[in-house]
């Protein structure tokens, strides 16, 4: 949120002719300024006062920095600023890139936080058929976006291996015919993986991603595998895939059990050879909603966990390690590079239908995977079509798509429109609906807002330290290895 008037050193006068548009927030001992071009600046109290009063002399270092970053009304480099704004918002003109295909609702795990409301592994009526799979792929290729990502989700996708294989082959064929850039990603628990499947997935160019919550005491508590040792199984396949030089990644979900083990979780990822961790908060969806009293926590507890974990990761980097945190990396691409990192949950408007589409096992189409998860609990308000009878134009023109666009546009939110983090943030109508019974949400008591507000605070505090900024820049540098697309598209 922007700073309250009492928190800002009140100027004796305001130079409206000098000031460009900007947002401000107290941070540490000074103030953070941002603008719609995506530039930011840290100012001390006296610097802010002199800037607001127009008392900076031309040629001073601070004046030159304010000028170069678009904070001075009379000295706007509109060509540069327009290019930065276009880069930030380039996704608005492309159509959906991320297509999440739920090939089955069956699963062989009983995760305490499962967001997908899965069914038992014998319930084959919840498998996608090949006929529906063909329609899904044909629908995906109606998107005008030249770059497409198909992400296999579940349940456990490998329980419907034949359909995974069919979609991978069929979509590769269509991509070649249409000269599209296609990425394929499998999000799996790896318990059903074998050498034959691994080779075929590799041959088809399918990046692999799994859920991994850290050391055995945490992972096996969160992700219950009745068929054997869950931690040992996933650890084996992570190491095996990495040994072959194949792209893979892991998703970590934070439960109450996780909170007291931030360093041990990071160490376990590093021990297996992973070089990135996605520290994700628990969401109030699926089984997690029903067991919240047992596995949930307060937002401030997650922020304390996040800060300690990333502090430790920074410490490891300063000692020479190569390891990064995914949420920070995604946000830093926006902050430091003026790039859209493809993080569809944190856009304005959000990725609902415009950036991602989710396809259930029966061919029902949803604005996003969270919308599909909510439908599994009986609330189907985010359903926008059916691959058997609807086309791309119908889902884009659907009233729910339009409502999500309006509700997730920052300028439509009374508090978001003046927030210092507006240039980098976004709103999730599904999580608003799940937690506050409104797609608009109420930001002063919104968990999603609270968490990202404090993650941004943390990152901008660290950016004031040149050594931390240097580390952050290595996390988003061109020399970094590509990450499995299934591990960055979603929260």
Protein backbone atom coordinates (compact mmCIF):
# COMPACT_ATOMS: atom_id res chain seq x y z
CA UNK A 1 0.00 0.00 0.00
CA UNK A 2 1.10 3.57 -0.43
CA UNK A 3 2.35 5.40 2.61
CA UNK A 4 -0.14 7.20 4.80
CA UNK A 5 0.18 11.00 4.78
CA UNK A 6 1.46 11.02 8.34
CA UNK A 7 4.28 8.64 7.44
CA UNK A 8 5.69 10.87 4.69
CA UNK A 9 7.75 13.96 5.62
CA UNK A 10 5.31 16.69 4.71
CA UNK A 11 6.79 19.22 2.27
CA UNK A 12 6.21 22.90 2.69
CA UNK A 13 5.23 23.05 -0.98
CA UNK A 14 4.72 20.64 -3.86
CA UNK A 15 6.20 21.17 -7.28
CA UNK A 16 3.52 19.62 -9.51
CA UNK A 17 5.36 20.76 -12.62
CA UNK A 18 8.41 18.77 -11.54
CA UNK A 19 6.85 15.57 -10.22
CA UNK A 20 6.10 12.63 -12.46
CA UNK A 21 3.57 10.06 -11.31
CA UNK A 22 4.91 7.74 -8.63
CA UNK A 23 3.97 5.52 -5.68
CA UNK A 24 5.64 5.64 -2.28
CA UNK A 25 5.97 3.38 0.78
CA UNK A 26 8.03 3.71 3.97
CA UNK A 27 10.69 1.00 3.95
CA UNK A 28 13.31 0.65 6.62
CA UNK A 29 14.68 4.10 7.50
CA UNK A 30 13.68 5.63 4.20
CA UNK A 31 11.14 5.37 1.40
CA UNK A 32 10.65 3.27 -1.70
CA UNK A 33 9.40 4.98 -4.86
CA UNK A 34 8.12 3.18 -7.96
CA UNK A 35 6.31 4.19 -11.12
CA UNK A 36 4.20 2.56 -13.81
CA UNK A 37 7.25 2.12 -16.03
CA UNK A 38 8.60 -0.39 -13.51
CA UNK A 39 11.47 1.74 -12.22
CA UNK A 40 12.21 2.06 -8.50
CA UNK A 41 14.30 4.26 -6.24
CA UNK A 42 15.22 4.31 -2.54
CA UNK A 43 15.16 7.79 -0.98
CA UNK A 44 15.98 9.04 2.48
CA UNK A 45 13.46 11.35 4.24
CA UNK A 46 15.35 14.53 3.31
CA UNK A 47 15.83 13.37 -0.29
CA UNK A 48 12.12 12.68 -0.63
CA UNK A 49 11.24 16.10 0.75
CA UNK A 50 13.62 17.90 -1.63
CA UNK A 51 12.26 15.87 -4.56
CA UNK A 52 8.61 16.60 -3.74
CA UNK A 53 9.34 20.30 -3.18
CA UNK A 54 11.29 20.58 -6.44
CA UNK A 55 14.48 21.65 -4.70
CA UNK A 56 16.89 19.38 -6.56
CA UNK A 57 19.38 21.13 -8.83
CA UNK A 58 19.80 19.86 -12.37
CA UNK A 59 22.94 17.80 -12.76
CA UNK A 60 22.99 16.45 -9.20
CA UNK A 61 23.40 12.63 -9.09
CA UNK A 62 19.94 12.17 -7.52
CA UNK A 63 18.34 14.49 -10.10
CA UNK A 64 19.98 12.53 -12.93
CA UNK A 65 18.73 9.23 -11.52
CA UNK A 66 15.21 10.57 -11.10
CA UNK A 67 15.31 11.83 -14.67
CA UNK A 68 16.62 8.57 -16.15
CA UNK A 69 13.92 6.56 -14.35
CA UNK A 70 10.94 8.67 -15.38
CA UNK A 71 10.20 10.44 -12.10
CA UNK A 72 10.54 14.01 -13.47
CA UNK A 73 7.54 15.23 -15.47
CA UNK A 74 9.45 17.60 -17.78
CA UNK A 75 12.16 15.08 -18.64
CA UNK A 76 10.29 11.94 -19.64
CA UNK A 77 12.00 9.76 -22.23
CA UNK A 78 8.71 8.51 -23.63
CA UNK A 79 10.30 6.10 -26.08
CA UNK A 80 12.24 4.32 -23.34
CA UNK A 81 9.36 4.39 -20.87
CA UNK A 82 6.88 3.08 -23.43
CA UNK A 83 9.22 0.20 -24.25
CA UNK A 84 9.52 -0.70 -20.56
CA UNK A 85 5.74 -0.59 -20.12
CA UNK A 86 5.24 -2.73 -23.23
CA UNK A 87 7.79 -5.26 -21.99
CA UNK A 88 6.05 -5.49 -18.62
CA UNK A 89 2.67 -6.07 -20.26
CA UNK A 90 3.60 -7.96 -23.42
CA UNK A 91 1.42 -10.95 -22.46
CA UNK A 92 -1.76 -8.93 -23.10
CA UNK A 93 -1.44 -9.29 -26.88
CA UNK A 94 -0.42 -12.94 -27.21
CA UNK A 95 -3.24 -15.19 -26.07
CA UNK A 96 -2.85 -18.04 -23.56
CA UNK A 97 0.54 -19.72 -23.47
CA UNK A 98 0.09 -22.11 -20.53
CA UNK A 99 -2.35 -24.99 -21.05
CA UNK A 100 -2.82 -27.28 -18.05
CA UNK A 101 -4.23 -30.68 -18.99
CA UNK A 102 -5.57 -32.86 -16.18
CA UNK A 103 -5.31 -36.34 -17.70
CA UNK A 104 -6.72 -38.03 -14.58
CA UNK A 105 -8.00 -37.24 -11.11
CA UNK A 106 -6.65 -40.55 -9.81
CA UNK A 107 -3.69 -40.47 -7.45
CA UNK A 108 -1.65 -42.97 -5.43
CA UNK A 109 -0.70 -40.51 -2.69
CA UNK A 110 -2.69 -39.00 0.16
CA UNK A 111 -1.10 -35.58 0.54
CA UNK A 112 -2.37 -33.68 3.56
CA UNK A 113 -2.64 -30.46 1.55
CA UNK A 114 -3.83 -31.75 -1.83
CA UNK A 115 -5.43 -28.83 -3.66
CA UNK A 116 -6.87 -30.99 -6.46
CA UNK A 117 -9.44 -33.09 -4.54
CA UNK A 118 -8.15 -36.29 -6.15
CA UNK A 119 -9.80 -39.74 -6.16
CA UNK A 120 -8.49 -43.24 -5.50
CA UNK A 121 -6.21 -44.85 -8.07
CA UNK A 122 -8.80 -47.48 -9.09
CA UNK A 123 -11.41 -44.90 -10.20
CA UNK A 124 -10.71 -45.09 -13.95
CA UNK A 125 -13.90 -43.21 -14.80
CA UNK A 126 -11.92 -40.10 -13.88
CA UNK A 127 -9.36 -40.66 -16.66
CA UNK A 128 -9.31 -38.49 -19.78
CA UNK A 129 -10.10 -40.50 -22.90
CA UNK A 130 -8.04 -40.32 -26.07
CA UNK A 131 -11.03 -38.80 -27.88
CA UNK A 132 -11.22 -35.98 -25.34
CA UNK A 133 -7.42 -35.62 -25.39
CA UNK A 134 -7.45 -35.06 -29.16
CA UNK A 135 -10.13 -32.38 -28.77
CA UNK A 136 -8.11 -30.70 -26.01
CA UNK A 137 -4.97 -30.52 -28.18
CA UNK A 138 -6.95 -29.21 -31.17
CA UNK A 139 -8.45 -26.56 -28.89
CA UNK A 140 -5.04 -25.57 -27.51
CA UNK A 141 -3.76 -24.93 -31.02
CA UNK A 142 -6.59 -22.43 -31.58
CA UNK A 143 -4.69 -20.05 -29.29
CA UNK A 144 -2.98 -17.33 -31.37
CA UNK A 145 0.13 -17.47 -29.19
CA UNK A 146 3.11 -18.72 -31.21
CA UNK A 147 4.63 -20.16 -28.01
CA UNK A 148 2.63 -22.88 -26.29
CA UNK A 149 3.25 -24.88 -23.11
CA UNK A 150 1.25 -28.00 -22.31
CA UNK A 151 1.56 -29.07 -18.69
CA UNK A 152 0.34 -32.53 -17.62
CA UNK A 153 -1.33 -32.44 -14.23
CA UNK A 154 -3.51 -34.68 -12.07
CA UNK A 155 -4.04 -36.54 -9.88
CA UNK A 156 -0.97 -38.43 -10.89
CA UNK A 157 -0.60 -38.11 -14.68
CA UNK A 158 1.41 -41.33 -15.03
CA UNK A 159 -1.66 -43.31 -13.97
CA UNK A 160 -2.99 -42.41 -17.44
CA UNK A 161 0.31 -42.90 -19.25
CA UNK A 162 -1.19 -43.78 -22.63
CA UNK A 163 -3.01 -40.45 -22.84
CA UNK A 164 0.09 -38.53 -21.71
CA UNK A 165 2.02 -40.23 -24.50
CA UNK A 166 -0.75 -39.56 -27.04
CA UNK A 167 -0.98 -35.85 -26.21
CA UNK A 168 2.80 -35.45 -26.32
CA UNK A 169 3.07 -37.11 -29.75
CA UNK A 170 -0.02 -35.48 -31.26
CA UNK A 171 0.88 -31.98 -30.05
CA UNK A 172 4.46 -32.34 -31.31
CA UNK A 173 3.08 -33.25 -34.73
CA UNK A 174 0.71 -30.25 -34.79
CA UNK A 175 3.44 -27.89 -33.58
CA UNK A 176 5.71 -28.99 -36.41
CA UNK A 177 2.94 -28.59 -38.98
CA UNK A 178 2.02 -25.12 -37.71
CA UNK A 179 5.58 -24.04 -36.94
CA UNK A 180 4.73 -23.32 -33.32
CA UNK A 181 7.18 -23.34 -30.42
CA UNK A 182 5.92 -26.03 -28.04
CA UNK A 183 7.10 -26.92 -24.55
CA UNK A 184 5.83 -29.99 -22.74
CA UNK A 185 6.02 -30.45 -18.97
CA UNK A 186 5.00 -33.27 -16.67
CA UNK A 187 4.16 -32.56 -13.02
CA UNK A 188 4.37 -35.96 -11.33
CA UNK A 189 5.10 -37.49 -7.95
CA UNK A 190 7.59 -39.79 -9.76
CA UNK A 191 6.48 -42.94 -7.87
CA UNK A 192 5.32 -44.57 -11.14
CA UNK A 193 8.30 -43.47 -13.21
CA UNK A 194 10.55 -46.14 -14.73
CA UNK A 195 13.47 -46.17 -17.15
CA UNK A 196 11.28 -46.84 -20.20
CA UNK A 197 8.94 -43.96 -19.42
CA UNK A 198 11.88 -41.70 -18.61
CA UNK A 199 13.49 -42.41 -21.98
CA UNK A 200 10.27 -41.82 -23.91
CA UNK A 201 9.57 -38.58 -22.03
CA UNK A 202 13.10 -37.45 -22.78
CA UNK A 203 12.77 -38.37 -26.46
CA UNK A 204 9.52 -36.36 -26.65
CA UNK A 205 11.19 -33.36 -25.02
CA UNK A 206 8.99 -33.44 -21.90
CA UNK A 207 10.47 -31.50 -18.98
CA UNK A 208 9.77 -33.12 -15.63
CA UNK A 209 8.80 -31.55 -12.35
CA UNK A 210 7.82 -33.07 -9.03
CA UNK A 211 6.64 -32.10 -5.58
CA UNK A 212 9.35 -32.31 -2.97
CA UNK A 213 8.91 -30.90 0.52
CA UNK A 214 12.37 -31.46 1.97
CA UNK A 215 13.88 -34.01 4.38
CA UNK A 216 11.99 -37.26 5.14
CA UNK A 217 10.46 -35.96 8.39
CA UNK A 218 8.73 -33.17 6.44
CA UNK A 219 8.16 -34.72 3.02
CA UNK A 220 6.72 -38.04 4.23
CA UNK A 221 4.50 -36.24 6.74
CA UNK A 222 3.05 -33.99 4.05
CA UNK A 223 2.96 -36.45 1.17
CA UNK A 224 1.79 -39.84 2.38
CA UNK A 225 2.70 -42.73 0.03
CA UNK A 226 1.16 -46.03 1.08
CA UNK A 227 3.06 -47.92 -1.62
CA UNK A 228 6.52 -47.42 -0.15
CA UNK A 229 9.02 -44.79 0.94
CA UNK A 230 7.85 -41.59 -0.71
CA UNK A 231 10.92 -39.49 0.06
CA UNK A 232 13.35 -42.18 -1.12
CA UNK A 233 11.41 -42.69 -4.35
CA UNK A 234 11.25 -39.04 -5.38
CA UNK A 235 14.86 -38.42 -4.29
CA UNK A 236 16.04 -41.34 -6.43
CA UNK A 237 14.34 -40.04 -9.56
CA UNK A 238 15.44 -36.45 -9.05
CA UNK A 239 19.04 -37.61 -8.85
CA UNK A 240 18.60 -39.99 -11.79
CA UNK A 241 17.08 -37.32 -14.07
CA UNK A 242 19.73 -34.78 -13.13
CA UNK A 243 22.48 -37.34 -13.77
CA UNK A 244 21.24 -37.59 -17.37
CA UNK A 245 21.46 -33.82 -17.81
CA UNK A 246 17.70 -33.52 -18.31
CA UNK A 247 15.68 -30.48 -17.17
CA UNK A 248 13.82 -31.07 -13.94
CA UNK A 249 12.59 -29.06 -11.00
CA UNK A 250 10.66 -29.45 -7.78
CA UNK A 251 7.78 -27.68 -6.07
CA UNK A 252 7.71 -27.27 -2.31
CA UNK A 253 4.49 -26.58 -0.39
CA UNK A 254 4.78 -25.08 3.08
CA UNK A 255 2.69 -26.66 5.84
CA UNK A 256 2.80 -26.16 9.59
CA UNK A 257 5.32 -29.01 9.76
CA UNK A 258 7.62 -27.13 7.35
CA UNK A 259 7.82 -23.88 9.32
CA UNK A 260 10.54 -24.96 11.75
CA UNK A 261 12.81 -26.47 9.08
CA UNK A 262 13.71 -23.73 6.56
CA UNK A 263 17.44 -24.50 6.49
CA UNK A 264 17.00 -28.27 6.46
CA UNK A 265 14.61 -28.01 3.51
CA UNK A 266 17.07 -25.88 1.52
CA UNK A 267 19.91 -28.24 2.41
CA UNK A 268 17.93 -31.27 1.21
CA UNK A 269 17.28 -29.66 -2.15
CA UNK A 270 20.96 -28.79 -2.48
CA UNK A 271 22.04 -32.30 -1.42
CA UNK A 272 20.11 -33.84 -4.31
CA UNK A 273 21.71 -31.51 -6.85
CA UNK A 274 18.75 -29.18 -7.31
CA UNK A 275 19.72 -25.54 -7.76
CA UNK A 276 16.37 -23.89 -7.17
CA UNK A 277 13.53 -24.07 -4.65
CA UNK A 278 10.01 -22.68 -4.97
CA UNK A 279 8.92 -21.71 -1.45
CA UNK A 280 5.14 -21.76 -1.86
CA UNK A 281 2.52 -20.93 0.77
CA UNK A 282 -0.37 -23.28 1.40
CA UNK A 283 -3.59 -22.30 -0.39
CA UNK A 284 -7.12 -22.60 0.97
CA UNK A 285 -8.26 -25.08 -1.69
CA UNK A 286 -9.14 -28.78 -1.86
CA UNK A 287 -8.09 -31.01 1.05
CA UNK A 288 -6.08 -28.14 2.52
CA UNK A 289 -9.31 -26.24 3.18
CA UNK A 290 -10.77 -29.16 5.12
CA UNK A 291 -7.63 -29.79 7.19
CA UNK A 292 -6.55 -26.17 7.69
CA UNK A 293 -6.77 -26.33 11.48
CA UNK A 294 -4.15 -29.09 11.44
CA UNK A 295 -1.76 -28.00 8.67
CA UNK A 296 -2.39 -24.27 8.25
CA UNK A 297 -0.72 -21.24 9.83
CA UNK A 298 -0.88 -17.47 10.04
CA UNK A 299 0.44 -15.40 7.14
CA UNK A 300 3.11 -13.81 9.30
CA UNK A 301 4.43 -17.29 10.18
CA UNK A 302 4.95 -18.02 6.49
CA UNK A 303 6.74 -14.71 5.98
CA UNK A 304 9.09 -15.47 8.89
CA UNK A 305 9.78 -18.90 7.33
CA UNK A 306 10.33 -17.35 3.89
CA UNK A 307 12.71 -14.68 5.16
CA UNK A 308 14.80 -17.17 7.13
CA UNK A 309 15.01 -19.56 4.18
CA UNK A 310 16.00 -16.88 1.66
CA UNK A 311 18.46 -15.32 4.12
CA UNK A 312 20.09 -18.74 4.30
CA UNK A 313 20.09 -19.11 0.50
CA UNK A 314 21.75 -15.70 0.18
CA UNK A 315 24.31 -16.77 2.78
CA UNK A 316 25.08 -19.90 0.73
CA UNK A 317 25.45 -17.81 -2.43
CA UNK A 318 27.82 -15.38 -0.74
CA UNK A 319 29.93 -18.44 0.17
CA UNK A 320 30.06 -19.44 -3.50
CA UNK A 321 27.07 -21.76 -3.93
CA UNK A 322 24.77 -21.61 -6.96
CA UNK A 323 21.22 -21.83 -5.60
CA UNK A 324 18.16 -19.61 -5.91
CA UNK A 325 14.56 -19.18 -4.76
CA UNK A 326 11.93 -19.22 -7.50
CA UNK A 327 9.41 -16.66 -6.21
CA UNK A 328 12.17 -14.11 -5.73
CA UNK A 329 13.63 -14.88 -9.15
CA UNK A 330 10.29 -14.37 -10.88
CA UNK A 331 9.62 -11.07 -9.13
CA UNK A 332 13.19 -9.87 -9.70
CA UNK A 333 12.76 -10.34 -13.44
CA UNK A 334 9.96 -7.80 -13.25
CA UNK A 335 11.83 -5.44 -10.93
CA UNK A 336 15.31 -5.52 -12.47
CA UNK A 337 14.79 -6.57 -16.08
CA UNK A 338 11.33 -5.13 -16.87
CA UNK A 339 10.32 -8.58 -18.13
CA UNK A 340 7.16 -10.60 -17.84
CA UNK A 341 8.46 -13.93 -16.47
CA UNK A 342 5.35 -15.89 -17.47
CA UNK A 343 4.07 -16.05 -13.89
CA UNK A 344 0.38 -16.01 -14.76
CA UNK A 345 -0.90 -15.72 -11.17
CA UNK A 346 0.79 -12.34 -10.70
CA UNK A 347 -0.38 -10.24 -13.63
CA UNK A 348 -2.76 -7.35 -14.07
CA UNK A 349 -5.16 -8.53 -15.34
CA UNK A 350 -4.39 -12.05 -14.15
CA UNK A 351 -3.78 -15.00 -16.43
CA UNK A 352 -7.38 -16.28 -16.29
CA UNK A 353 -8.09 -17.49 -19.87
CA UNK A 354 -5.77 -14.78 -21.28
CA UNK A 355 -2.55 -16.37 -20.04
CA UNK A 356 -3.54 -19.88 -19.08
CA UNK A 357 -6.37 -22.35 -19.58
CA UNK A 358 -7.09 -25.52 -17.62
CA UNK A 359 -8.74 -28.62 -19.08
CA UNK A 360 -10.34 -31.16 -16.75
CA UNK A 361 -10.31 -34.90 -17.45
CA UNK A 362 -13.81 -34.68 -19.00
CA UNK A 363 -12.97 -31.79 -21.35
CA UNK A 364 -14.47 -29.02 -19.24
CA UNK A 365 -12.53 -25.76 -19.62
CA UNK A 366 -11.66 -23.45 -16.73
CA UNK A 367 -10.05 -20.03 -16.52
CA UNK A 368 -7.13 -21.53 -14.60
CA UNK A 369 -6.17 -24.60 -12.62
CA UNK A 370 -7.24 -23.01 -9.33
CA UNK A 371 -10.67 -22.45 -10.90
CA UNK A 372 -10.81 -26.14 -11.76
CA UNK A 373 -9.81 -27.04 -8.20
CA UNK A 374 -12.61 -24.88 -6.83
CA UNK A 375 -15.06 -26.63 -9.17
CA UNK A 376 -14.06 -29.97 -7.63
CA UNK A 377 -15.46 -28.61 -4.36
CA UNK A 378 -18.79 -27.72 -5.99
CA UNK A 379 -18.21 -24.10 -7.08
CA UNK A 380 -18.11 -24.15 -10.90
CA UNK A 381 -18.22 -20.40 -11.42
CA UNK A 382 -14.83 -20.40 -13.21
CA UNK A 383 -15.92 -22.89 -15.90
CA UNK A 384 -15.84 -21.17 -19.31
CA UNK A 385 -16.49 -23.96 -21.81
CA UNK A 386 -16.27 -27.54 -23.06
CA UNK A 387 -13.82 -28.76 -25.72
CA UNK A 388 -16.61 -30.87 -27.26
CA UNK A 389 -18.69 -27.85 -28.27
CA UNK A 390 -16.88 -24.55 -27.65
CA UNK A 391 -14.07 -22.77 -29.49
CA UNK A 392 -11.35 -20.35 -28.46
CA UNK A 393 -13.43 -17.27 -29.24
CA UNK A 394 -16.25 -18.50 -27.00
CA UNK A 395 -14.06 -18.87 -23.92
CA UNK A 396 -12.30 -15.54 -24.43
CA UNK A 397 -15.68 -13.84 -24.81
CA UNK A 398 -17.19 -15.68 -21.83
CA UNK A 399 -18.68 -13.44 -19.09
CA UNK A 400 -16.50 -15.17 -16.47
CA UNK A 401 -13.34 -14.34 -18.42
CA UNK A 402 -14.41 -10.70 -18.59
CA UNK A 403 -15.31 -10.62 -14.89
CA UNK A 404 -11.92 -12.05 -13.94
CA UNK A 405 -10.17 -9.45 -16.11
CA UNK A 406 -11.97 -6.58 -14.45
CA UNK A 407 -11.62 -7.96 -10.92
CA UNK A 408 -7.88 -8.63 -11.34
CA UNK A 409 -6.91 -5.31 -12.93
CA UNK A 410 -4.97 -3.33 -10.34
CA UNK A 411 -6.59 -0.04 -11.34
CA UNK A 412 -9.98 -1.51 -10.39
CA UNK A 413 -8.92 -2.09 -6.78
CA UNK A 414 -9.15 0.96 -4.48
CA UNK A 415 -5.99 0.09 -2.52
CA UNK A 416 -4.02 -1.64 -5.27
CA UNK A 417 -4.24 1.32 -7.62
CA UNK A 418 -2.08 3.43 -5.27
CA UNK A 419 0.20 0.63 -4.00
CA UNK A 420 3.94 0.99 -4.46
CA UNK A 421 4.08 -2.61 -5.71
CA UNK A 422 1.37 -2.12 -8.34
CA UNK A 423 3.89 -2.22 -11.25
CA UNK A 424 4.93 -5.77 -10.29
CA UNK A 425 1.93 -7.35 -8.60
CA UNK A 426 -1.36 -9.05 -9.48
CA UNK A 427 -4.63 -10.35 -8.09
CA UNK A 428 -6.08 -13.88 -8.06
CA UNK A 429 -9.91 -13.87 -8.29
CA UNK A 430 -10.11 -17.61 -7.53
CA UNK A 431 -8.24 -17.33 -4.24
CA UNK A 432 -10.33 -14.26 -3.42
CA UNK A 433 -13.47 -16.31 -4.03
CA UNK A 434 -12.17 -19.26 -2.01
CA UNK A 435 -11.10 -17.21 1.00
CA UNK A 436 -13.36 -14.14 0.95
CA UNK A 437 -16.37 -15.26 -1.11
CA UNK A 438 -15.81 -12.53 -3.70
CA UNK A 439 -13.75 -12.45 -6.89
CA UNK A 440 -12.82 -8.87 -5.98
CA UNK A 441 -11.50 -9.71 -2.54
CA UNK A 442 -10.86 -7.30 0.30
CA UNK A 443 -7.20 -6.36 0.26
CA UNK A 444 -6.82 -5.15 3.88
CA UNK A 445 -7.59 -8.71 5.10
CA UNK A 446 -6.46 -10.64 2.02
CA UNK A 447 -3.90 -13.37 2.68
CA UNK A 448 -2.52 -13.34 -0.87
CA UNK A 449 -2.00 -9.57 -0.67
CA UNK A 450 -0.36 -9.79 2.76
CA UNK A 451 2.13 -12.45 1.70
CA UNK A 452 3.22 -10.76 -1.51
CA UNK A 453 3.36 -7.33 0.13
CA UNK A 454 5.87 -8.69 2.62
CA UNK A 455 7.83 -10.68 0.03
CA UNK A 456 8.21 -7.45 -1.97
CA UNK A 457 9.26 -5.61 1.19
CA UNK A 458 11.91 -8.24 1.81
CA UNK A 459 13.28 -8.12 -1.74
CA UNK A 460 13.48 -4.33 -1.88
CA UNK A 461 15.17 -4.25 1.52
CA UNK A 462 17.78 -6.69 0.26
CA UNK A 463 18.25 -4.76 -2.99
CA UNK A 464 19.68 -1.89 -0.93
CA UNK A 465 22.65 -4.16 -0.15
CA UNK A 466 25.03 -4.23 -3.17
CA UNK A 467 26.20 -7.76 -2.34
CA UNK A 468 22.64 -9.08 -2.21
CA UNK A 469 21.75 -7.27 -5.43
CA UNK A 470 24.74 -8.88 -7.10
CA UNK A 471 23.51 -12.33 -6.01
CA UNK A 472 19.97 -11.55 -7.16
CA UNK A 473 21.27 -10.56 -10.59
CA UNK A 474 23.01 -13.93 -10.96
CA UNK A 475 19.63 -15.59 -10.29
CA UNK A 476 18.09 -13.92 -13.32
CA UNK A 477 21.14 -13.84 -15.59
CA UNK A 478 21.21 -15.30 -19.07
CA UNK A 479 23.76 -17.88 -17.95
CA UNK A 480 21.20 -19.65 -15.73
CA UNK A 481 20.08 -23.10 -16.85
CA UNK A 482 16.47 -23.31 -18.10
CA UNK A 483 13.88 -24.33 -15.56
CA UNK A 484 11.20 -26.92 -16.23
CA UNK A 485 8.16 -24.90 -17.39
CA UNK A 486 5.85 -26.87 -15.15
CA UNK A 487 7.66 -25.46 -12.15
CA UNK A 488 7.26 -21.78 -12.88
CA UNK A 489 3.90 -21.32 -14.52
CA UNK A 490 1.86 -21.73 -11.37
CA UNK A 491 1.93 -20.88 -7.69
